[in-house]
Amino acid sequence: MRSLHYHFSEHLPDEHPRMKRHFLNLFKTRKKVELREGIMSSEELKERVISIGRGKKVDITRMAYDGMAEDPPIAVKLIDIGGDHFTGKIINVDRSISESQDTGIIYLKGGGGTIDFRYADGDIMQVDEDIDEEIVQQRNIEGVREILDALDLDEDINISYYDKNEGGVINGTGKLIEKNMESGDFIITLHLINEIKLKKIIEVPLNLERDEILDLEVVF
């Protein structure tokens, strides 16, 4: 038994050197991938996303294979921020409205659902908080109230408001059909949204205080 043990331990390393080297290579650390010029580092990207925060709408600009910025940027709502990635819900207000009227028809390009972005992928050039967020902060409630008060029922209007469910601005054309200046409630019908003619006229109830009305005007 002793001689067999000695033979095994002494000769195995010399007889199988390739097997040993191959086994050890599995545990070698991969070399760090060099970022292309203009790409955010994983640390910069993570800090930027965290600083903006969950629930905000952002535009993500990626670098294409040719080194140019992809246009247009991807518009997403940040729904999860993890340790090695973040998740965004793709914003496409136009498509959502169209599909809500007829699930068999798609009027515009663009996808839906969610997408994961890994900090270490090395293809994101910048992440900007969407301009819609800034517009909402700057809205003039009293100005819109004055316009609403001056409007007559069944008058043709253009309206711009922020859709909280979709995370995007709706620019619509339609009519004012009801209003209550004491409560701030009013109802509009829309036949055109973001330059898309709707298959069916939709009715939208709004409130001056609760909803984020950005602009309201009469159509001459």
Foldseek 3Di string as FASTA:
>chain_A
DVVVVVVCVPCVCVVPVVVVVVVVVVPDDDDQDDADPLWDALVRVLVVDVVVHAQFKKFWWWADPVRDIDPPTFIFGFHARDDFKTKTWGFDPPQVVQCVVPVVDGDDDDDTGMDIDGSHPRTTRDMGGDVVVVLLVVADLVVQLVQVVPDDFQFWKWWWFADSVRGGIKTFIFTWHAADSVFQKTKTWGQAIPNDGHPDIDIDIDGSPPTRTRDMDTDD
